[in-house]
PDB file of N, CA and C in Angstrom:
ATOM      1  N   MET A   1     -83.423 -71.934  88.268  1.00  0.00           N
ATOM      2  CA  MET A   1     -84.641 -71.237  88.602  1.00  0.00           C
ATOM      3  C   MET A   1     -85.480 -72.111  89.527  1.00  0.00           C
ATOM      4  N   ILE A   2     -86.074 -71.485  90.527  1.00  0.00           N
ATOM      5  CA  ILE A   2     -86.942 -72.193  91.460  1.00  0.00           C
ATOM      6  C   ILE A   2     -88.369 -72.101  90.951  1.00  0.00           C
ATOM      7  N   ASN A   3     -88.994 -73.239  90.815  1.00  0.00           N
ATOM      8  CA  ASN A   3     -90.388 -73.282  90.380  1.00  0.00           C
ATOM      9  C   ASN A   3     -91.253 -73.539  91.607  1.00  0.00           C
ATOM     10  N   ARG A   4     -91.920 -72.526  92.065  1.00  0.00           N
ATOM     11  CA  ARG A   4     -92.727 -72.623  93.276  1.00  0.00           C
ATOM     12  C   ARG A   4     -94.174 -72.913  92.886  1.00  0.00           C
ATOM     13  N   ILE A   5     -94.721 -73.974  93.447  1.00  0.00           N
ATOM     14  CA  ILE A   5     -96.106 -74.332  93.168  1.00  0.00           C
ATOM     15  C   ILE A   5     -96.979 -73.709  94.253  1.00  0.00           C
ATOM     16  N   VAL A   6     -97.872 -72.833  93.852  1.00  0.00           N
ATOM     17  CA  VAL A   6     -98.758 -72.163  94.793  1.00  0.00           C
ATOM     18  C   VAL A   6    -100.069 -72.937  94.831  1.00  0.00           C
ATOM     19  N   VAL A   7    -100.459 -73.351  96.027  1.00  0.00           N
ATOM     20  CA  VAL A   7    -101.665 -74.169  96.170  1.00  0.00           C
ATOM     21  C   VAL A   7    -102.746 -73.450  96.961  1.00  0.00           C
ATOM     22  N   GLY A   8    -102.707 -72.151  97.009  1.00  0.00           N
ATOM     23  CA  GLY A   8    -103.732 -71.399  97.705  1.00  0.00           C
ATOM     24  C   GLY A   8    -103.314 -70.937  99.096  1.00  0.00           C
ATOM     25  N   ALA A   9    -102.235 -71.458  99.612  1.00  0.00           N
ATOM     26  CA  ALA A   9    -101.792 -71.060 100.937  1.00  0.00           C
ATOM     27  C   ALA A   9    -101.054 -69.731 100.862  1.00  0.00           C
ATOM     28  N   ARG A  10    -101.227 -68.933 101.884  1.00  0.00           N
ATOM     29  CA  ARG A  10    -100.437 -67.708 101.974  1.00  0.00           C
ATOM     30  C   ARG A  10     -99.098 -68.069 102.595  1.00  0.00           C
ATOM     31  N   TYR A  11     -98.130 -67.249 102.397  1.00  0.00           N
ATOM     32  CA  TYR A  11     -96.793 -67.611 102.845  1.00  0.00           C
ATOM     33  C   TYR A  11     -96.348 -66.914 104.112  1.00  0.00           C
ATOM     34  N   GLY A  12     -97.298 -66.544 104.970  1.00  0.00           N
ATOM     35  CA  GLY A  12     -96.986 -66.337 106.356  1.00  0.00           C
ATOM     36  C   GLY A  12     -96.708 -64.984 106.939  1.00  0.00           C
ATOM     37  N   LEU A  13     -96.196 -64.001 106.207  1.00  0.00           N
ATOM     38  CA  LEU A  13     -95.824 -62.748 106.850  1.00  0.00           C
ATOM     39  C   LEU A  13     -97.025 -62.055 107.468  1.00  0.00           C
ATOM     40  N   LYS A  14     -98.124 -61.994 106.740  1.00  0.00           N
ATOM     41  CA  LYS A  14     -99.334 -61.343 107.253  1.00  0.00           C
ATOM     42  C   LYS A  14     -99.819 -62.035 108.537  1.00  0.00           C
ATOM     43  N   ASP A  15     -99.869 -63.351 108.522  1.00  0.00           N
ATOM     44  CA  ASP A  15    -100.325 -64.089 109.702  1.00  0.00           C
ATOM     45  C   ASP A  15     -99.344 -63.951 110.862  1.00  0.00           C
ATOM     46  N   TRP A  16     -98.065 -63.914 110.561  1.00  0.00           N
ATOM     47  CA  TRP A  16     -97.055 -63.727 111.607  1.00  0.00           C
ATOM     48  C   TRP A  16     -97.251 -62.370 112.285  1.00  0.00           C
ATOM     49  N   ILE A  17     -97.488 -61.337 111.496  1.00  0.00           N
ATOM     50  CA  ILE A  17     -97.708 -59.991 112.048  1.00  0.00           C
ATOM     51  C   ILE A  17     -98.992 -59.965 112.865  1.00  0.00           C
ATOM     52  N   ILE A  18    -100.062 -60.580 112.351  1.00  0.00           N
ATOM     53  CA  ILE A  18    -101.327 -60.602 113.080  1.00  0.00           C
ATOM     54  C   ILE A  18    -101.167 -61.318 114.410  1.00  0.00           C
ATOM     55  N   GLN A  19    -100.434 -62.415 114.446  1.00  0.00           N
ATOM     56  CA  GLN A  19    -100.230 -63.114 115.718  1.00  0.00           C
ATOM     57  C   GLN A  19     -99.458 -62.246 116.701  1.00  0.00           C
ATOM     58  N   ARG A  20     -98.500 -61.484 116.225  1.00  0.00           N
ATOM     59  CA  ARG A  20     -97.742 -60.602 117.127  1.00  0.00           C
ATOM     60  C   ARG A  20     -98.622 -59.469 117.648  1.00  0.00           C
ATOM     61  N   VAL A  21     -99.432 -58.886 116.767  1.00  0.00           N
ATOM     62  CA  VAL A  21    -100.323 -57.789 117.175  1.00  0.00           C
ATOM     63  C   VAL A  21    -101.354 -58.297 118.184  1.00  0.00           C
ATOM     64  N   THR A  22    -101.966 -59.441 117.911  1.00  0.00           N
ATOM     65  CA  THR A  22    -102.959 -59.963 118.849  1.00  0.00           C
ATOM     66  C   THR A  22    -102.312 -60.328 120.185  1.00  0.00           C
ATOM     67  N   ALA A  23    -101.086 -60.803 120.160  1.00  0.00           N
ATOM     68  CA  ALA A  23    -100.379 -61.100 121.412  1.00  0.00           C
ATOM     69  C   ALA A  23    -100.141 -59.827 122.213  1.00  0.00           C
ATOM     70  N   VAL A  24     -99.801 -58.741 121.546  1.00  0.00           N
ATOM     71  CA  VAL A  24     -99.599 -57.461 122.234  1.00  0.00           C
ATOM     72  C   VAL A  24    -100.917 -56.970 122.822  1.00  0.00           C
ATOM     73  N   VAL A  25    -102.011 -57.076 122.045  1.00  0.00           N
ATOM     74  CA  VAL A  25    -103.323 -56.663 122.553  1.00  0.00           C
ATOM     75  C   VAL A  25    -103.668 -57.456 123.816  1.00  0.00           C
ATOM     76  N   MET A  26    -103.438 -58.765 123.792  1.00  0.00           N
ATOM     77  CA  MET A  26    -103.748 -59.591 124.957  1.00  0.00           C
ATOM     78  C   MET A  26    -102.862 -59.245 126.156  1.00  0.00           C
ATOM     79  N   ALA A  27    -101.600 -58.945 125.907  1.00  0.00           N
ATOM     80  CA  ALA A  27    -100.701 -58.567 127.002  1.00  0.00           C
ATOM     81  C   ALA A  27    -101.105 -57.231 127.616  1.00  0.00           C
ATOM     82  N   VAL A  28    -101.460 -56.265 126.779  1.00  0.00           N
ATOM     83  CA  VAL A  28    -101.893 -54.949 127.285  1.00  0.00           C
ATOM     84  C   VAL A  28    -103.186 -55.099 128.082  1.00  0.00           C
ATOM     85  N   TYR A  29    -104.125 -55.913 127.587  1.00  0.00           N
ATOM     86  CA  TYR A  29    -105.376 -56.144 128.317  1.00  0.00           C
ATOM     87  C   TYR A  29    -105.088 -56.777 129.676  1.00  0.00           C
ATOM     88  N   THR A  30    -104.186 -57.736 129.706  1.00  0.00           N
ATOM     89  CA  THR A  30    -103.856 -58.395 130.968  1.00  0.00           C
ATOM     90  C   THR A  30    -103.333 -57.388 131.982  1.00  0.00           C
ATOM     91  N   LEU A  31    -102.459 -56.488 131.545  1.00  0.00           N
ATOM     92  CA  LEU A  31    -101.972 -55.435 132.445  1.00  0.00           C
ATOM     93  C   LEU A  31    -103.108 -54.506 132.860  1.00  0.00           C
ATOM     94  N   PHE A  32    -103.937 -54.093 131.896  1.00  0.00           N
ATOM     95  CA  PHE A  32    -105.059 -53.190 132.157  1.00  0.00           C
ATOM     96  C   PHE A  32    -106.026 -53.787 133.179  1.00  0.00           C
ATOM     97  N   ILE A  33    -106.458 -55.026 132.950  1.00  0.00           N
ATOM     98  CA  ILE A  33    -107.437 -55.629 133.846  1.00  0.00           C
ATOM     99  C   ILE A  33    -106.805 -55.921 135.205  1.00  0.00           C
ATOM    100  N   GLY A  34    -105.519 -56.237 135.207  1.00  0.00           N
ATOM    101  CA  GLY A  34    -104.828 -56.434 136.483  1.00  0.00           C
ATOM    102  C   GLY A  34    -104.802 -55.163 137.313  1.00  0.00           C
ATOM    103  N   ILE A  35    -104.513 -54.034 136.676  1.00  0.00           N
ATOM    104  CA  ILE A  35    -104.502 -52.748 137.377  1.00  0.00           C
ATOM    105  C   ILE A  35    -105.902 -52.401 137.879  1.00  0.00           C
ATOM    106  N   VAL A  36    -106.907 -52.626 137.030  1.00  0.00           N
ATOM    107  CA  VAL A  36    -108.293 -52.342 137.433  1.00  0.00           C
ATOM    108  C   VAL A  36    -108.674 -53.185 138.642  1.00  0.00           C
ATOM    109  N   LEU A  37    -108.363 -54.461 138.611  1.00  0.00           N
ATOM    110  CA  LEU A  37    -108.750 -55.344 139.708  1.00  0.00           C
ATOM    111  C   LEU A  37    -107.978 -55.052 140.992  1.00  0.00           C
ATOM    112  N   VAL A  38    -106.726 -54.630 140.880  1.00  0.00           N
ATOM    113  CA  VAL A  38    -105.969 -54.244 142.067  1.00  0.00           C
ATOM    114  C   VAL A  38    -106.536 -52.956 142.657  1.00  0.00           C
ATOM    115  N   ALA A  39    -106.930 -52.023 141.786  1.00  0.00           N
ATOM    116  CA  ALA A  39    -107.484 -50.749 142.258  1.00  0.00           C
ATOM    117  C   ALA A  39    -108.861 -50.936 142.895  1.00  0.00           C
ATOM    118  N   VAL A  40    -109.698 -51.774 142.306  1.00  0.00           N
ATOM    119  CA  VAL A  40    -111.080 -51.921 142.783  1.00  0.00           C
ATOM    120  C   VAL A  40    -111.189 -52.971 143.881  1.00  0.00           C
ATOM    121  N   ARG A  41    -110.405 -54.005 143.806  1.00  0.00           N
ATOM    122  CA  ARG A  41    -110.437 -55.131 144.742  1.00  0.00           C
ATOM    123  C   ARG A  41    -111.863 -55.649 144.947  1.00  0.00           C
ATOM    124  N   PRO A  42    -112.441 -56.235 143.903  1.00  0.00           N
ATOM    125  CA  PRO A  42    -113.820 -56.722 144.023  1.00  0.00           C
ATOM    126  C   PRO A  42    -113.918 -57.882 145.015  1.00  0.00           C
ATOM    127  N   ALA A  43    -114.774 -57.717 146.019  1.00  0.00           N
ATOM    128  CA  ALA A  43    -114.910 -58.721 147.070  1.00  0.00           C
ATOM    129  C   ALA A  43    -116.147 -59.589 146.885  1.00  0.00           C
ATOM    130  N   ASP A  44    -117.133 -59.111 146.158  1.00  0.00           N
ATOM    131  CA  ASP A  44    -118.320 -59.922 145.927  1.00  0.00           C
ATOM    132  C   ASP A  44    -118.789 -59.772 144.479  1.00  0.00           C
ATOM    133  N   PHE A  45    -119.799 -60.537 144.142  1.00  0.00           N
ATOM    134  CA  PHE A  45    -120.249 -60.622 142.759  1.00  0.00           C
ATOM    135  C   PHE A  45    -120.761 -59.291 142.230  1.00  0.00           C
ATOM    136  N   SER A  46    -121.433 -58.517 143.061  1.00  0.00           N
ATOM    137  CA  SER A  46    -121.980 -57.235 142.598  1.00  0.00           C
ATOM    138  C   SER A  46    -120.874 -56.261 142.186  1.00  0.00           C
ATOM    139  N   VAL A  47    -119.740 -56.318 142.851  1.00  0.00           N
ATOM    140  CA  VAL A  47    -118.618 -55.453 142.484  1.00  0.00           C
ATOM    141  C   VAL A  47    -118.003 -55.928 141.163  1.00  0.00           C
ATOM    142  N   TRP A  48    -117.903 -57.247 140.969  1.00  0.00           N
ATOM    143  CA  TRP A  48    -117.413 -57.781 139.701  1.00  0.00           C
ATOM    144  C   TRP A  48    -118.312 -57.327 138.553  1.00  0.00           C
ATOM    145  N   ILE A  49    -119.623 -57.391 138.778  1.00  0.00           N
ATOM    146  CA  ILE A  49    -120.577 -56.948 137.755  1.00  0.00           C
ATOM    147  C   ILE A  49    -120.368 -55.463 137.469  1.00  0.00           C
ATOM    148  N   ALA A  50    -120.174 -54.668 138.506  1.00  0.00           N
ATOM    149  CA  ALA A  50    -119.961 -53.230 138.330  1.00  0.00           C
ATOM    150  C   ALA A  50    -118.688 -52.950 137.528  1.00  0.00           C
ATOM    151  N   VAL A  51    -117.628 -53.697 137.809  1.00  0.00           N
ATOM    152  CA  VAL A  51    -116.369 -53.504 137.083  1.00  0.00           C
ATOM    153  C   VAL A  51    -116.567 -53.790 135.598  1.00  0.00           C
ATOM    154  N   PHE A  52    -117.200 -54.915 135.285  1.00  0.00           N
ATOM    155  CA  PHE A  52    -117.342 -55.316 133.886  1.00  0.00           C
ATOM    156  C   PHE A  52    -118.541 -54.673 133.199  1.00  0.00           C
ATOM    157  N   SER A  53    -119.317 -53.864 133.916  1.00  0.00           N
ATOM    158  CA  SER A  53    -120.410 -53.122 133.293  1.00  0.00           C
ATOM    159  C   SER A  53    -119.934 -51.804 132.693  1.00  0.00           C
ATOM    160  N   HIS A  54    -118.769 -51.353 133.082  1.00  0.00           N
ATOM    161  CA  HIS A  54    -118.221 -50.103 132.562  1.00  0.00           C
ATOM    162  C   HIS A  54    -117.902 -50.275 131.075  1.00  0.00           C
ATOM    163  N   GLY A  55    -118.250 -49.293 130.273  1.00  0.00           N
ATOM    164  CA  GLY A  55    -118.093 -49.377 128.818  1.00  0.00           C
ATOM    165  C   GLY A  55    -116.670 -49.644 128.368  1.00  0.00           C
ATOM    166  N   MET A  56    -115.708 -49.013 129.002  1.00  0.00           N
ATOM    167  CA  MET A  56    -114.304 -49.193 128.602  1.00  0.00           C
ATOM    168  C   MET A  56    -113.836 -50.623 128.882  1.00  0.00           C
ATOM    169  N   VAL A  57    -114.247 -51.167 130.021  1.00  0.00           N
ATOM    170  CA  VAL A  57    -113.854 -52.534 130.366  1.00  0.00           C
ATOM    171  C   VAL A  57    -114.537 -53.526 129.417  1.00  0.00           C
ATOM    172  N   LYS A  58    -115.802 -53.276 129.078  1.00  0.00           N
ATOM    173  CA  LYS A  58    -116.495 -54.135 128.117  1.00  0.00           C
ATOM    174  C   LYS A  58    -115.784 -54.122 126.768  1.00  0.00           C
ATOM    175  N   PHE A  59    -115.450 -52.931 126.297  1.00  0.00           N
ATOM    176  CA  PHE A  59    -114.764 -52.805 125.008  1.00  0.00           C
ATOM    177  C   PHE A  59    -113.416 -53.516 125.039  1.00  0.00           C
ATOM    178  N   ALA A  60    -112.637 -53.279 126.088  1.00  0.00           N
ATOM    179  CA  ALA A  60    -111.312 -53.903 126.196  1.00  0.00           C
ATOM    180  C   ALA A  60    -111.431 -55.424 126.282  1.00  0.00           C
ATOM    181  N   THR A  61    -112.419 -55.900 127.020  1.00  0.00           N
ATOM    182  CA  THR A  61    -112.615 -57.345 127.151  1.00  0.00           C
ATOM    183  C   THR A  61    -113.032 -57.959 125.822  1.00  0.00           C
ATOM    184  N   PHE A  62    -113.906 -57.275 125.082  1.00  0.00           N
ATOM    185  CA  PHE A  62    -114.319 -57.778 123.774  1.00  0.00           C
ATOM    186  C   PHE A  62    -113.147 -57.782 122.801  1.00  0.00           C
ATOM    187  N   LEU A  63    -112.334 -56.724 122.814  1.00  0.00           N
ATOM    188  CA  LEU A  63    -111.152 -56.670 121.962  1.00  0.00           C
ATOM    189  C   LEU A  63    -110.173 -57.788 122.323  1.00  0.00           C
ATOM    190  N   PHE A  64    -110.020 -58.044 123.611  1.00  0.00           N
ATOM    191  CA  PHE A  64    -109.177 -59.154 124.060  1.00  0.00           C
ATOM    192  C   PHE A  64    -109.700 -60.481 123.512  1.00  0.00           C
ATOM    193  N   ALA A  65    -111.025 -60.696 123.630  1.00  0.00           N
ATOM    194  CA  ALA A  65    -111.607 -61.957 123.169  1.00  0.00           C
ATOM    195  C   ALA A  65    -111.419 -62.132 121.657  1.00  0.00           C
ATOM    196  N   LEU A  66    -111.672 -61.077 120.892  1.00  0.00           N
ATOM    197  CA  LEU A  66    -111.469 -61.169 119.442  1.00  0.00           C
ATOM    198  C   LEU A  66    -110.014 -61.464 119.107  1.00  0.00           C
ATOM    199  N   SER A  67    -109.103 -60.805 119.812  1.00  0.00           N
ATOM    200  CA  SER A  67    -107.675 -61.056 119.585  1.00  0.00           C
ATOM    201  C   SER A  67    -107.318 -62.494 119.934  1.00  0.00           C
ATOM    202  N   LEU A  68    -107.844 -62.977 121.041  1.00  0.00           N
ATOM    203  CA  LEU A  68    -107.578 -64.358 121.457  1.00  0.00           C
ATOM    204  C   LEU A  68    -108.084 -65.348 120.421  1.00  0.00           C
ATOM    205  N   PHE A  69    -109.312 -65.128 119.931  1.00  0.00           N
ATOM    206  CA  PHE A  69    -109.890 -66.068 118.984  1.00  0.00           C
ATOM    207  C   PHE A  69    -109.171 -66.024 117.635  1.00  0.00           C
ATOM    208  N   TYR A  70    -108.781 -64.842 117.182  1.00  0.00           N
ATOM    209  CA  TYR A  70    -108.060 -64.741 115.907  1.00  0.00           C
ATOM    210  C   TYR A  70    -106.667 -65.371 116.037  1.00  0.00           C
ATOM    211  N   HIS A  71    -106.018 -65.109 117.159  1.00  0.00           N
ATOM    212  CA  HIS A  71    -104.719 -65.690 117.455  1.00  0.00           C
ATOM    213  C   HIS A  71    -104.825 -67.218 117.457  1.00  0.00           C
ATOM    214  N   ALA A  72    -105.868 -67.727 118.109  1.00  0.00           N
ATOM    215  CA  ALA A  72    -106.085 -69.175 118.177  1.00  0.00           C
ATOM    216  C   ALA A  72    -106.375 -69.751 116.793  1.00  0.00           C
ATOM    217  N   TRP A  73    -107.154 -69.014 115.987  1.00  0.00           N
ATOM    218  CA  TRP A  73    -107.462 -69.513 114.641  1.00  0.00           C
ATOM    219  C   TRP A  73    -106.194 -69.692 113.815  1.00  0.00           C
ATOM    220  N   ILE A  74    -105.329 -68.703 113.834  1.00  0.00           N
ATOM    221  CA  ILE A  74    -104.096 -68.801 113.036  1.00  0.00           C
ATOM    222  C   ILE A  74    -103.245 -69.960 113.537  1.00  0.00           C
ATOM    223  N   GLY A  75    -103.118 -70.092 114.839  1.00  0.00           N
ATOM    224  CA  GLY A  75    -102.322 -71.188 115.393  1.00  0.00           C
ATOM    225  C   GLY A  75    -102.893 -72.548 115.075  1.00  0.00           C
ATOM    226  N   MET A  76    -104.199 -72.714 115.259  1.00  0.00           N
ATOM    227  CA  MET A  76    -104.825 -74.010 114.985  1.00  0.00           C
ATOM    228  C   MET A  76    -104.823 -74.329 113.494  1.00  0.00           C
ATOM    229  N   ARG A  77    -105.084 -73.319 112.657  1.00  0.00           N
ATOM    230  CA  ARG A  77    -105.069 -73.545 111.214  1.00  0.00           C
ATOM    231  C   ARG A  77    -103.688 -74.029 110.768  1.00  0.00           C
ATOM    232  N   ASP A  78    -102.647 -73.375 111.270  1.00  0.00           N
ATOM    233  CA  ASP A  78    -101.289 -73.795 110.907  1.00  0.00           C
ATOM    234  C   ASP A  78    -100.983 -75.197 111.434  1.00  0.00           C
ATOM    235  N   LEU A  79    -101.451 -75.488 112.639  1.00  0.00           N
ATOM    236  CA  LEU A  79    -101.231 -76.815 113.208  1.00  0.00           C
ATOM    237  C   LEU A  79    -101.926 -77.875 112.362  1.00  0.00           C
ATOM    238  N   TRP A  80    -103.191 -77.642 112.003  1.00  0.00           N
ATOM    239  CA  TRP A  80    -103.908 -78.614 111.156  1.00  0.00           C
ATOM    240  C   TRP A  80    -103.205 -78.761 109.798  1.00  0.00           C
ATOM    241  N   MET A  81    -102.772 -77.643 109.200  1.00  0.00           N
ATOM    242  CA  MET A  81    -102.136 -77.711 107.881  1.00  0.00           C
ATOM    243  C   MET A  81    -100.793 -78.437 107.934  1.00  0.00           C
ATOM    244  N   ASP A  82    -100.067 -78.280 109.038  1.00  0.00           N
ATOM    245  CA  ASP A  82     -98.740 -78.899 109.139  1.00  0.00           C
ATOM    246  C   ASP A  82     -98.791 -80.388 109.468  1.00  0.00           C
ATOM    247  N   TYR A  83     -99.747 -80.810 110.297  1.00  0.00           N
ATOM    248  CA  TYR A  83     -99.693 -82.165 110.835  1.00  0.00           C
ATOM    249  C   TYR A  83    -100.808 -83.096 110.381  1.00  0.00           C
ATOM    250  N   ILE A  84    -101.884 -82.571 109.816  1.00  0.00           N
ATOM    251  CA  ILE A  84    -102.982 -83.427 109.354  1.00  0.00           C
ATOM    252  C   ILE A  84    -102.911 -83.493 107.833  1.00  0.00           C
ATOM    253  N   LYS A  85    -102.518 -84.632 107.315  1.00  0.00           N
ATOM    254  CA  LYS A  85    -102.302 -84.759 105.866  1.00  0.00           C
ATOM    255  C   LYS A  85    -103.567 -85.122 105.073  1.00  0.00           C
ATOM    256  N   PRO A  86    -104.477 -85.975 105.576  1.00  0.00           N
ATOM    257  CA  PRO A  86    -105.686 -86.264 104.793  1.00  0.00           C
ATOM    258  C   PRO A  86    -106.553 -85.005 104.647  1.00  0.00           C
ATOM    259  N   VAL A  87    -106.832 -84.614 103.421  1.00  0.00           N
ATOM    260  CA  VAL A  87    -107.508 -83.349 103.146  1.00  0.00           C
ATOM    261  C   VAL A  87    -108.890 -83.298 103.782  1.00  0.00           C
ATOM    262  N   GLY A  88    -109.640 -84.387 103.722  1.00  0.00           N
ATOM    263  CA  GLY A  88    -110.988 -84.397 104.296  1.00  0.00           C
ATOM    264  C   GLY A  88    -110.976 -84.170 105.797  1.00  0.00           C
ATOM    265  N   LEU A  89    -110.067 -84.837 106.490  1.00  0.00           N
ATOM    266  CA  LEU A  89    -109.949 -84.663 107.939  1.00  0.00           C
ATOM    267  C   LEU A  89    -109.506 -83.246 108.279  1.00  0.00           C
ATOM    268  N   ARG A  90    -108.538 -82.726 107.507  1.00  0.00           N
ATOM    269  CA  ARG A  90    -108.051 -81.364 107.733  1.00  0.00           C
ATOM    270  C   ARG A  90    -109.179 -80.350 107.549  1.00  0.00           C
ATOM    271  N   LEU A  91    -109.963 -80.498 106.490  1.00  0.00           N
ATOM    272  CA  LEU A  91    -111.085 -79.597 106.247  1.00  0.00           C
ATOM    273  C   LEU A  91    -112.110 -79.685 107.369  1.00  0.00           C
ATOM    274  N   THR A  92    -112.386 -80.894 107.829  1.00  0.00           N
ATOM    275  CA  THR A  92    -113.327 -81.078 108.941  1.00  0.00           C
ATOM    276  C   THR A  92    -112.828 -80.371 110.194  1.00  0.00           C
ATOM    277  N   LEU A  93    -111.551 -80.526 110.494  1.00  0.00           N
ATOM    278  CA  LEU A  93    -110.981 -79.865 111.675  1.00  0.00           C
ATOM    279  C   LEU A  93    -111.001 -78.344 111.522  1.00  0.00           C
ATOM    280  N   HIS A  94    -110.739 -77.841 110.325  1.00  0.00           N
ATOM    281  CA  HIS A  94    -110.828 -76.394 110.080  1.00  0.00           C
ATOM    282  C   HIS A  94    -112.242 -75.900 110.341  1.00  0.00           C
ATOM    283  N   VAL A  95    -113.224 -76.601 109.801  1.00  0.00           N
ATOM    284  CA  VAL A  95    -114.617 -76.185 109.974  1.00  0.00           C
ATOM    285  C   VAL A  95    -115.023 -76.245 111.445  1.00  0.00           C
ATOM    286  N   LEU A  96    -114.661 -77.306 112.150  1.00  0.00           N
ATOM    287  CA  LEU A  96    -114.995 -77.415 113.573  1.00  0.00           C
ATOM    288  C   LEU A  96    -114.325 -76.313 114.392  1.00  0.00           C
ATOM    289  N   THR A  97    -113.092 -75.991 114.049  1.00  0.00           N
ATOM    290  CA  THR A  97    -112.387 -74.912 114.740  1.00  0.00           C
ATOM    291  C   THR A  97    -113.076 -73.573 114.499  1.00  0.00           C
ATOM    292  N   ILE A  98    -113.444 -73.307 113.256  1.00  0.00           N
ATOM    293  CA  ILE A  98    -114.138 -72.053 112.935  1.00  0.00           C
ATOM    294  C   ILE A  98    -115.468 -71.975 113.674  1.00  0.00           C
ATOM    295  N   LEU A  99    -116.233 -73.064 113.644  1.00  0.00           N
ATOM    296  CA  LEU A  99    -117.535 -73.067 114.328  1.00  0.00           C
ATOM    297  C   LEU A  99    -117.372 -72.824 115.826  1.00  0.00           C
ATOM    298  N   ALA A 100    -116.380 -73.455 116.432  1.00  0.00           N
ATOM    299  CA  ALA A 100    -116.143 -73.252 117.860  1.00  0.00           C
ATOM    300  C   ALA A 100    -115.773 -71.793 118.152  1.00  0.00           C
ATOM    301  N   LEU A 101    -114.868 -71.222 117.372  1.00  0.00           N
ATOM    302  CA  LEU A 101    -114.429 -69.849 117.625  1.00  0.00           C
ATOM    303  C   LEU A 101    -115.536 -68.839 117.367  1.00  0.00           C
ATOM    304  N   VAL A 102    -116.350 -69.050 116.337  1.00  0.00           N
ATOM    305  CA  VAL A 102    -117.492 -68.159 116.091  1.00  0.00           C
ATOM    306  C   VAL A 102    -118.499 -68.302 117.225  1.00  0.00           C
ATOM    307  N   GLY A 103    -118.732 -69.524 117.681  1.00  0.00           N
ATOM    308  CA  GLY A 103    -119.619 -69.740 118.823  1.00  0.00           C
ATOM    309  C   GLY A 103    -119.112 -69.054 120.081  1.00  0.00           C
ATOM    310  N   TYR A 104    -117.818 -69.150 120.335  1.00  0.00           N
ATOM    311  CA  TYR A 104    -117.236 -68.474 121.496  1.00  0.00           C
ATOM    312  C   TYR A 104    -117.398 -66.957 121.397  1.00  0.00           C
ATOM    313  N   THR A 105    -117.236 -66.432 120.185  1.00  0.00           N
ATOM    314  CA  THR A 105    -117.406 -64.994 119.980  1.00  0.00           C
ATOM    315  C   THR A 105    -118.843 -64.582 120.302  1.00  0.00           C
ATOM    316  N   GLY A 106    -119.803 -65.349 119.828  1.00  0.00           N
ATOM    317  CA  GLY A 106    -121.197 -65.066 120.149  1.00  0.00           C
ATOM    318  C   GLY A 106    -121.463 -65.142 121.636  1.00  0.00           C
ATOM    319  N   TRP A 107    -120.849 -66.088 122.298  1.00  0.00           N
ATOM    320  CA  TRP A 107    -121.013 -66.244 123.739  1.00  0.00           C
ATOM    321  C   TRP A 107    -120.442 -65.027 124.481  1.00  0.00           C
ATOM    322  N   VAL A 108    -119.293 -64.558 124.048  1.00  0.00           N
ATOM    323  CA  VAL A 108    -118.700 -63.357 124.663  1.00  0.00           C
ATOM    324  C   VAL A 108    -119.616 -62.150 124.461  1.00  0.00           C
ATOM    325  N   ILE A 109    -120.174 -61.997 123.262  1.00  0.00           N
ATOM    326  CA  ILE A 109    -121.093 -60.886 122.996  1.00  0.00           C
ATOM    327  C   ILE A 109    -122.303 -60.977 123.920  1.00  0.00           C
ATOM    328  N   GLU A 110    -122.848 -62.180 124.047  1.00  0.00           N
ATOM    329  CA  GLU A 110    -124.010 -62.359 124.931  1.00  0.00           C
ATOM    330  C   GLU A 110    -123.669 -61.983 126.369  1.00  0.00           C
ATOM    331  N   ILE A 111    -122.565 -62.471 126.866  1.00  0.00           N
ATOM    332  CA  ILE A 111    -122.188 -62.203 128.256  1.00  0.00           C
ATOM    333  C   ILE A 111    -121.929 -60.722 128.479  1.00  0.00           C
ATOM    334  N   LEU A 112    -121.138 -60.102 127.605  1.00  0.00           N
ATOM    335  CA  LEU A 112    -120.742 -58.717 127.832  1.00  0.00           C
ATOM    336  C   LEU A 112    -121.850 -57.710 127.557  1.00  0.00           C
ATOM    337  N   PHE A 113    -122.648 -57.929 126.530  1.00  0.00           N
ATOM    338  CA  PHE A 113    -123.551 -56.881 126.085  1.00  0.00           C
ATOM    339  C   PHE A 113    -125.020 -57.175 126.353  1.00  0.00           C
ATOM    340  N   TRP A 114    -125.383 -58.414 126.703  1.00  0.00           N
ATOM    341  CA  TRP A 114    -126.783 -58.691 126.999  1.00  0.00           C
ATOM    342  C   TRP A 114    -127.027 -59.037 128.449  1.00  0.00           C
ATOM    343  N   ARG A 115    -126.038 -59.613 129.091  1.00  0.00           N
ATOM    344  CA  ARG A 115    -126.230 -60.028 130.490  1.00  0.00           C
ATOM    345  C   ARG A 115    -125.750 -58.989 131.489  1.00  0.00           C
ATOM    346  N   LEU A 116    -124.778 -58.182 131.103  1.00  0.00           N
ATOM    347  CA  LEU A 116    -124.265 -57.176 132.051  1.00  0.00           C
ATOM    348  C   LEU A 116    -125.000 -55.873 131.912  1.00  0.00           C
TER     349      LEU A 116
END
């Protein structure tokens, strides 16, 4: 009989699926924004502002950013858990990573919904 010691970590299938889904979202956004930019061909800043002021582009860009940050969180969390053995240092790196990603999310919200 195998005696598995569970220490609070999840065993990966959910995170693996989330990373695949977020990767697909990012790939679809890349194609979408590429098509938009080829169609519009923004030559100056005012045209760029007009492109990203459209509600659909704002929504898609925000969804891309959330997918990117969640994808990055899972990757960085796994990297810290696999390679950083001192618990205090690992916890510090987890907290710093979370703070950075939450800060980036706030920055994206500010740029997309308050400045445009």
